PDB file of N, CA and C in Angstrom:
ATOM      1  N   MET A   1    -111.627-155.006 -86.083  1.00  0.00           N
ATOM      2  CA  MET A   1    -112.988-154.227 -86.556  1.00  0.00           C
ATOM      3  C   MET A   1    -112.259-153.535 -87.869  1.00  0.00           C
ATOM      4  N   LYS A   2    -112.600-153.654 -89.164  1.00  0.00           N
ATOM      5  CA  LYS A   2    -112.112-152.783 -89.869  1.00  0.00           C
ATOM      6  C   LYS A   2    -112.829-151.329 -90.511  1.00  0.00           C
ATOM      7  N   VAL A   3    -111.462-150.574 -90.556  1.00  0.00           N
ATOM      8  CA  VAL A   3    -112.271-148.687 -90.709  1.00  0.00           C
ATOM      9  C   VAL A   3    -111.042-148.772 -92.098  1.00  0.00           C
ATOM     10  N   THR A   4    -111.042-147.504 -92.417  1.00  0.00           N
ATOM     11  CA  THR A   4    -109.989-146.817 -93.455  1.00  0.00           C
ATOM     12  C   THR A   4    -109.840-145.259 -93.031  1.00  0.00           C
ATOM     13  N   ILE A   5    -108.201-145.172 -92.606  1.00  0.00           N
ATOM     14  CA  ILE A   5    -107.493-144.311 -91.954  1.00  0.00           C
ATOM     15  C   ILE A   5    -106.509-143.628 -92.938  1.00  0.00           C
ATOM     16  N   ASN A   6    -106.903-142.259 -93.008  1.00  0.00           N
ATOM     17  CA  ASN A   6    -106.113-141.819 -94.271  1.00  0.00           C
ATOM     18  C   ASN A   6    -105.920-142.726 -95.790  1.00  0.00           C
ATOM     19  N   GLY A   7    -107.042-142.928 -95.809  1.00  0.00           N
ATOM     20  CA  GLY A   7    -107.766-143.493 -97.769  1.00  0.00           C
ATOM     21  C   GLY A   7    -107.357-145.105 -97.412  1.00  0.00           C
ATOM     22  N   LYS A   8    -106.625-145.911 -96.394  1.00  0.00           N
ATOM     23  CA  LYS A   8    -106.559-147.420 -95.988  1.00  0.00           C
ATOM     24  C   LYS A   8    -106.881-147.514 -95.121  1.00  0.00           C
ATOM     25  N   PRO A   9    -107.323-148.946 -95.844  1.00  0.00           N
ATOM     26  CA  PRO A   9    -107.869-150.049 -95.026  1.00  0.00           C
ATOM     27  C   PRO A   9    -106.596-150.030 -93.852  1.00  0.00           C
ATOM     28  N   ASP A  10    -107.452-150.270 -92.637  1.00  0.00           N
ATOM     29  CA  ASP A  10    -106.523-150.888 -91.519  1.00  0.00           C
ATOM     30  C   ASP A  10    -107.924-151.463 -90.425  1.00  0.00           C
ATOM     31  N   ASP A  11    -107.242-152.796 -89.760  1.00  0.00           N
ATOM     32  CA  ASP A  11    -108.388-154.014 -88.709  1.00  0.00           C
ATOM     33  C   ASP A  11    -107.147-152.646 -87.666  1.00  0.00           C
ATOM     34  N   ILE A  12    -108.733-152.129 -86.362  1.00  0.00           N
ATOM     35  CA  ILE A  12    -108.564-151.655 -85.484  1.00  0.00           C
ATOM     36  C   ILE A  12    -109.322-152.826 -84.313  1.00  0.00           C
ATOM     37  N   GLY A  13    -108.609-152.604 -83.007  1.00  0.00           N
ATOM     38  CA  GLY A  13    -109.960-152.799 -82.149  1.00  0.00           C
ATOM     39  C   GLY A  13    -110.611-152.370 -81.474  1.00  0.00           C
ATOM     40  N   GLU A  14    -111.579-153.279 -81.006  1.00  0.00           N
ATOM     41  CA  GLU A  14    -113.231-153.009 -80.323  1.00  0.00           C
ATOM     42  C   GLU A  14    -113.545-151.717 -80.023  1.00  0.00           C
ATOM     43  N   GLY A  15    -114.202-150.752 -80.195  1.00  0.00           N
ATOM     44  CA  GLY A  15    -114.498-150.344 -78.459  1.00  0.00           C
ATOM     45  C   GLY A  15    -114.092-148.601 -78.715  1.00  0.00           C
ATOM     46  N   LEU A  16    -112.915-148.280 -79.503  1.00  0.00           N
ATOM     47  CA  LEU A  16    -111.908-147.752 -79.329  1.00  0.00           C
ATOM     48  C   LEU A  16    -112.898-146.004 -79.742  1.00  0.00           C
ATOM     49  N   ASN A  17    -112.416-144.951 -79.104  1.00  0.00           N
ATOM     50  CA  ASN A  17    -113.029-143.889 -79.202  1.00  0.00           C
ATOM     51  C   ASN A  17    -112.099-143.276 -79.742  1.00  0.00           C
ATOM     52  N   VAL A  18    -111.715-142.085 -80.393  1.00  0.00           N
ATOM     53  CA  VAL A  18    -111.101-141.138 -81.506  1.00  0.00           C
ATOM     54  C   VAL A  18    -109.332-140.786 -80.344  1.00  0.00           C
ATOM     55  N   ASP A  19    -109.687-140.487 -78.861  1.00  0.00           N
ATOM     56  CA  ASP A  19    -107.960-140.622 -78.635  1.00  0.00           C
ATOM     57  C   ASP A  19    -107.577-141.986 -78.014  1.00  0.00           C
ATOM     58  N   GLY A  20    -108.132-142.928 -78.028  1.00  0.00           N
ATOM     59  CA  GLY A  20    -107.811-144.302 -77.914  1.00  0.00           C
ATOM     60  C   GLY A  20    -107.590-144.593 -79.228  1.00  0.00           C
ATOM     61  N   LEU A  21    -108.081-144.950 -80.213  1.00  0.00           N
ATOM     62  CA  LEU A  21    -107.296-144.939 -81.619  1.00  0.00           C
ATOM     63  C   LEU A  21    -106.099-144.454 -82.021  1.00  0.00           C
ATOM     64  N   LEU A  22    -105.999-142.475 -81.868  1.00  0.00           N
ATOM     65  CA  LEU A  22    -105.023-141.821 -81.667  1.00  0.00           C
ATOM     66  C   LEU A  22    -103.880-142.702 -81.068  1.00  0.00           C
ATOM     67  N   ALA A  23    -103.952-143.339 -79.887  1.00  0.00           N
ATOM     68  CA  ALA A  23    -103.221-144.007 -79.059  1.00  0.00           C
ATOM     69  C   ALA A  23    -102.757-145.472 -79.341  1.00  0.00           C
ATOM     70  N   GLU A  24    -103.415-145.935 -80.219  1.00  0.00           N
ATOM     71  CA  GLU A  24    -103.121-146.995 -80.627  1.00  0.00           C
ATOM     72  C   GLU A  24    -102.654-147.350 -82.159  1.00  0.00           C
ATOM     73  N   GLN A  25    -102.745-146.112 -82.669  1.00  0.00           N
ATOM     74  CA  GLN A  25    -102.113-146.003 -83.893  1.00  0.00           C
ATOM     75  C   GLN A  25    -100.882-145.227 -83.752  1.00  0.00           C
ATOM     76  N   GLU A  26    -100.326-145.102 -82.025  1.00  0.00           N
ATOM     77  CA  GLU A  26     -98.840-144.328 -82.757  1.00  0.00           C
ATOM     78  C   GLU A  26     -98.787-142.918 -82.805  1.00  0.00           C
ATOM     79  N   VAL A  27     -99.828-142.315 -82.647  1.00  0.00           N
ATOM     80  CA  VAL A  27     -99.592-141.286 -83.142  1.00  0.00           C
ATOM     81  C   VAL A  27     -98.806-140.174 -82.352  1.00  0.00           C
ATOM     82  N   LYS A  28     -98.096-139.601 -83.247  1.00  0.00           N
ATOM     83  CA  LYS A  28     -97.231-138.311 -82.345  1.00  0.00           C
ATOM     84  C   LYS A  28     -97.636-137.185 -82.703  1.00  0.00           C
ATOM     85  N   MET A  29     -97.555-136.537 -81.378  1.00  0.00           N
ATOM     86  CA  MET A  29     -97.956-135.273 -80.594  1.00  0.00           C
ATOM     87  C   MET A  29     -99.224-135.621 -81.444  1.00  0.00           C
ATOM     88  N   PRO A  30    -100.545-136.133 -80.697  1.00  0.00           N
ATOM     89  CA  PRO A  30    -101.912-136.000 -80.722  1.00  0.00           C
ATOM     90  C   PRO A  30    -102.390-134.918 -80.565  1.00  0.00           C
ATOM     91  N   GLU A  31    -102.063-133.845 -80.008  1.00  0.00           N
ATOM     92  CA  GLU A  31    -102.220-132.815 -79.799  1.00  0.00           C
ATOM     93  C   GLU A  31    -102.429-131.968 -80.409  1.00  0.00           C
ATOM     94  N   MET A  32    -102.022-132.313 -81.813  1.00  0.00           N
ATOM     95  CA  MET A  32    -101.672-131.227 -83.180  1.00  0.00           C
ATOM     96  C   MET A  32    -102.492-132.015 -84.499  1.00  0.00           C
ATOM     97  N   VAL A  33    -102.983-133.220 -84.304  1.00  0.00           N
ATOM     98  CA  VAL A  33    -103.788-133.540 -85.020  1.00  0.00           C
ATOM     99  C   VAL A  33    -105.179-133.322 -84.546  1.00  0.00           C
ATOM    100  N   SER A  34    -106.051-132.816 -85.901  1.00  0.00           N
ATOM    101  CA  SER A  34    -107.530-132.729 -86.305  1.00  0.00           C
ATOM    102  C   SER A  34    -107.294-133.943 -86.805  1.00  0.00           C
ATOM    103  N   VAL A  35    -108.945-134.960 -85.968  1.00  0.00           N
ATOM    104  CA  VAL A  35    -109.519-135.751 -86.870  1.00  0.00           C
ATOM    105  C   VAL A  35    -111.123-135.203 -87.293  1.00  0.00           C
ATOM    106  N   GLU A  36    -110.896-136.045 -88.337  1.00  0.00           N
ATOM    107  CA  GLU A  36    -112.456-136.218 -89.612  1.00  0.00           C
ATOM    108  C   GLU A  36    -112.745-137.569 -89.436  1.00  0.00           C
ATOM    109  N   LEU A  37    -113.869-137.965 -88.900  1.00  0.00           N
ATOM    110  CA  LEU A  37    -114.577-138.770 -89.158  1.00  0.00           C
ATOM    111  C   LEU A  37    -115.700-138.649 -89.641  1.00  0.00           C
ATOM    112  N   ASN A  38    -115.862-139.518 -91.043  1.00  0.00           N
ATOM    113  CA  ASN A  38    -116.958-139.863 -91.658  1.00  0.00           C
ATOM    114  C   ASN A  38    -117.113-138.710 -92.486  1.00  0.00           C
ATOM    115  N   GLY A  39    -116.119-137.737 -92.862  1.00  0.00           N
ATOM    116  CA  GLY A  39    -116.747-136.413 -93.024  1.00  0.00           C
ATOM    117  C   GLY A  39    -116.724-134.983 -92.635  1.00  0.00           C
ATOM    118  N   ASP A  40    -116.907-135.416 -91.114  1.00  0.00           N
ATOM    119  CA  ASP A  40    -116.916-134.055 -90.252  1.00  0.00           C
ATOM    120  C   ASP A  40    -115.596-134.096 -89.503  1.00  0.00           C
ATOM    121  N   ILE A  41    -115.305-132.948 -88.938  1.00  0.00           N
ATOM    122  CA  ILE A  41    -114.233-132.856 -88.284  1.00  0.00           C
ATOM    123  C   ILE A  41    -114.880-132.004 -86.907  1.00  0.00           C
ATOM    124  N   LEU A  42    -114.121-133.677 -85.996  1.00  0.00           N
ATOM    125  CA  LEU A  42    -114.471-133.459 -85.059  1.00  0.00           C
ATOM    126  C   LEU A  42    -113.513-132.367 -83.447  1.00  0.00           C
ATOM    127  N   ARG A  43    -114.248-131.735 -83.040  1.00  0.00           N
ATOM    128  CA  ARG A  43    -113.817-130.937 -81.979  1.00  0.00           C
ATOM    129  C   ARG A  43    -112.923-131.719 -81.051  1.00  0.00           C
ATOM    130  N   ARG A  44    -112.303-131.301 -80.701  1.00  0.00           N
ATOM    131  CA  ARG A  44    -111.340-132.108 -79.808  1.00  0.00           C
ATOM    132  C   ARG A  44    -111.929-132.291 -78.042  1.00  0.00           C
ATOM    133  N   SER A  45    -112.754-131.788 -78.162  1.00  0.00           N
ATOM    134  CA  SER A  45    -114.306-132.191 -76.722  1.00  0.00           C
ATOM    135  C   SER A  45    -114.541-132.915 -76.883  1.00  0.00           C
ATOM    136  N   GLN A  46    -114.821-134.201 -78.378  1.00  0.00           N
ATOM    137  CA  GLN A  46    -115.423-135.506 -78.741  1.00  0.00           C
ATOM    138  C   GLN A  46    -114.467-135.888 -78.749  1.00  0.00           C
ATOM    139  N   PHE A  47    -113.143-135.700 -78.881  1.00  0.00           N
ATOM    140  CA  PHE A  47    -112.545-136.970 -79.313  1.00  0.00           C
ATOM    141  C   PHE A  47    -112.979-138.852 -78.176  1.00  0.00           C
ATOM    142  N   HIS A  48    -113.208-138.028 -76.537  1.00  0.00           N
ATOM    143  CA  HIS A  48    -113.361-139.560 -75.612  1.00  0.00           C
ATOM    144  C   HIS A  48    -114.715-140.071 -75.759  1.00  0.00           C
ATOM    145  N   SER A  49    -115.622-139.144 -76.923  1.00  0.00           N
ATOM    146  CA  SER A  49    -117.180-140.172 -76.602  1.00  0.00           C
ATOM    147  C   SER A  49    -117.505-140.250 -78.088  1.00  0.00           C
ATOM    148  N   ALA A  50    -116.357-139.986 -78.905  1.00  0.00           N
ATOM    149  CA  ALA A  50    -116.411-140.875 -80.706  1.00  0.00           C
ATOM    150  C   ALA A  50    -116.002-141.634 -80.495  1.00  0.00           C
ATOM    151  N   VAL A  51    -116.823-142.877 -80.655  1.00  0.00           N
ATOM    152  CA  VAL A  51    -116.252-144.578 -80.687  1.00  0.00           C
ATOM    153  C   VAL A  51    -116.475-144.348 -81.842  1.00  0.00           C
ATOM    154  N   ILE A  52    -115.333-145.520 -82.364  1.00  0.00           N
ATOM    155  CA  ILE A  52    -115.178-145.419 -83.730  1.00  0.00           C
ATOM    156  C   ILE A  52    -116.468-146.748 -84.159  1.00  0.00           C
ATOM    157  N   LYS A  53    -116.591-147.157 -85.075  1.00  0.00           N
ATOM    158  CA  LYS A  53    -117.444-148.012 -85.756  1.00  0.00           C
ATOM    159  C   LYS A  53    -116.885-148.714 -86.914  1.00  0.00           C
ATOM    160  N   GLU A  54    -117.021-149.882 -86.785  1.00  0.00           N
ATOM    161  CA  GLU A  54    -117.113-150.725 -88.764  1.00  0.00           C
ATOM    162  C   GLU A  54    -117.554-149.984 -89.933  1.00  0.00           C
ATOM    163  N   GLY A  55    -116.183-150.084 -90.854  1.00  0.00           N
ATOM    164  CA  GLY A  55    -116.651-149.010 -91.806  1.00  0.00           C
ATOM    165  C   GLY A  55    -116.543-147.557 -91.616  1.00  0.00           C
ATOM    166  N   ASP A  56    -116.513-146.929 -90.249  1.00  0.00           N
ATOM    167  CA  ASP A  56    -115.396-145.826 -90.268  1.00  0.00           C
ATOM    168  C   ASP A  56    -114.622-144.963 -91.494  1.00  0.00           C
ATOM    169  N   GLN A  57    -114.819-143.796 -91.916  1.00  0.00           N
ATOM    170  CA  GLN A  57    -113.459-143.527 -92.863  1.00  0.00           C
ATOM    171  C   GLN A  57    -113.390-142.731 -91.858  1.00  0.00           C
ATOM    172  N   ILE A  58    -111.406-142.221 -91.062  1.00  0.00           N
ATOM    173  CA  ILE A  58    -111.087-141.827 -90.645  1.00  0.00           C
ATOM    174  C   ILE A  58    -110.069-140.985 -90.991  1.00  0.00           C
ATOM    175  N   GLU A  59    -109.994-139.896 -91.122  1.00  0.00           N
ATOM    176  CA  GLU A  59    -108.826-138.875 -91.487  1.00  0.00           C
ATOM    177  C   GLU A  59    -108.347-138.349 -90.378  1.00  0.00           C
ATOM    178  N   PHE A  60    -106.502-138.344 -90.028  1.00  0.00           N
ATOM    179  CA  PHE A  60    -105.855-137.714 -88.876  1.00  0.00           C
ATOM    180  C   PHE A  60    -105.132-136.078 -90.050  1.00  0.00           C
ATOM    181  N   ILE A  61    -105.461-134.971 -89.527  1.00  0.00           N
ATOM    182  CA  ILE A  61    -105.279-133.880 -89.997  1.00  0.00           C
ATOM    183  C   ILE A  61    -103.217-132.956 -89.611  1.00  0.00           C
ATOM    184  N   TYR A  62    -102.898-132.959 -89.627  1.00  0.00           N
ATOM    185  CA  TYR A  62    -101.697-132.691 -89.272  1.00  0.00           C
ATOM    186  C   TYR A  62    -101.558-131.491 -89.996  1.00  0.00           C
ATOM    187  N   PHE A  63    -100.860-129.998 -89.027  1.00  0.00           N
ATOM    188  CA  PHE A  63    -101.470-128.854 -89.582  1.00  0.00           C
ATOM    189  C   PHE A  63     -99.630-128.730 -88.966  1.00  0.00           C
ATOM    190  N   MET A  64     -99.058-128.135 -90.284  1.00  0.00           N
ATOM    191  CA  MET A  64     -97.372-127.771 -90.393  1.00  0.00           C
ATOM    192  C   MET A  64     -96.936-126.135 -90.273  1.00  0.00           C
ATOM    193  N   GLY A  65     -96.577-125.713 -90.119  1.00  0.00           N
ATOM    194  CA  GLY A  65     -95.931-124.605 -89.662  1.00  0.00           C
ATOM    195  C   GLY A  65     -95.089-124.287 -90.434  1.00  0.00           C
ATOM    196  N   GLY A  66     -94.293-123.043 -90.932  1.00  0.00           N
ATOM    197  CA  GLY A  66     -93.622-122.740 -92.064  1.00  0.00           C
ATOM    198  C   GLY A  66     -92.868-121.560 -91.074  1.00  0.00           C
ATOM    199  N   GLY A  67     -91.316-121.001 -92.124  1.00  0.00           N
ATOM    200  CA  GLY A  67     -90.525-120.233 -91.818  1.00  0.00           C
ATOM    201  C   GLY A  67     -91.832-118.711 -92.265  1.00  0.00           C
ATOM    202  N   SER A  68     -91.236-117.721 -91.435  1.00  0.00           N
ATOM    203  CA  SER A  68     -91.626-116.312 -91.538  1.00  0.00           C
ATOM    204  C   SER A  68     -92.029-115.848 -93.074  1.00  0.00           C
ATOM    205  N   GLY A  69     -92.879-115.174 -93.369  1.00  0.00           N
ATOM    206  CA  GLY A  69     -93.393-114.904 -94.529  1.00  0.00           C
ATOM    207  C   GLY A  69     -92.166-112.838 -94.659  1.00  0.00           C
ATOM    208  N   LEU A  70     -92.492-112.638 -93.486  1.00  0.00           N
ATOM    209  CA  LEU A  70     -91.304-111.493 -93.153  1.00  0.00           C
ATOM    210  C   LEU A  70     -90.089-111.877 -93.570  1.00  0.00           C
ATOM    211  N   ASN A  71     -89.122-112.874 -93.670  1.00  0.00           N
ATOM    212  CA  ASN A  71     -87.917-113.147 -93.434  1.00  0.00           C
ATOM    213  C   ASN A  71     -87.553-113.036 -95.490  1.00  0.00           C
ATOM    214  N   ALA A  72     -88.712-113.348 -96.077  1.00  0.00           N
ATOM    215  CA  ALA A  72     -88.441-113.768 -97.280  1.00  0.00           C
ATOM    216  C   ALA A  72     -89.192-112.324 -98.404  1.00  0.00           C
ATOM    217  N   ILE A  73     -89.824-111.901 -97.460  1.00  0.00           N
ATOM    218  CA  ILE A  73     -89.894-110.079 -97.427  1.00  0.00           C
ATOM    219  C   ILE A  73     -88.632-109.516 -97.355  1.00  0.00           C
ATOM    220  N   ASN A  74     -88.002-109.873 -96.528  1.00  0.00           N
ATOM    221  CA  ASN A  74     -86.821-108.860 -96.356  1.00  0.00           C
ATOM    222  C   ASN A  74     -85.864-109.018 -97.032  1.00  0.00           C
ATOM    223  N   ARG A  75     -85.119-110.160 -97.702  1.00  0.00           N
ATOM    224  CA  ARG A  75     -84.400-110.882 -98.641  1.00  0.00           C
ATOM    225  C   ARG A  75     -85.092-110.276-100.166  1.00  0.00           C
ATOM    226  N   ALA A  76     -86.051-110.539-100.173  1.00  0.00           N
ATOM    227  CA  ALA A  76     -86.508-110.144-101.928  1.00  0.00           C
ATOM    228  C   ALA A  76     -85.802-108.588-101.870  1.00  0.00           C
ATOM    229  N   THR A  77     -85.980-107.625-101.183  1.00  0.00           N
ATOM    230  CA  THR A  77     -85.562-106.207-101.002  1.00  0.00           C
ATOM    231  C   THR A  77     -84.476-105.671-100.725  1.00  0.00           C
ATOM    232  N   ASP A  78     -83.497-106.605 -99.905  1.00  0.00           N
ATOM    233  CA  ASP A  78     -81.996-106.193 -99.898  1.00  0.00           C
ATOM    234  C   ASP A  78     -81.500-105.794-101.039  1.00  0.00           C
TER     235      ASP A  78
END
């Protein structure tokens, strides 16, 4: 079945829900990924019930943390 994942066309198995898609795509640390399906950001509780359909647009959104801003302030004032 043809879908678009992160802006790229892809073929995936039929009848996958979002949890299954994350596994099929071998997403590292899926618990840290948000999923947008056709423009709507899904709640994690929806991953099991949201079934992927032909033509769907899917985005995996990864949130990254960085260093402490406090450390940068301390270095700037030293």
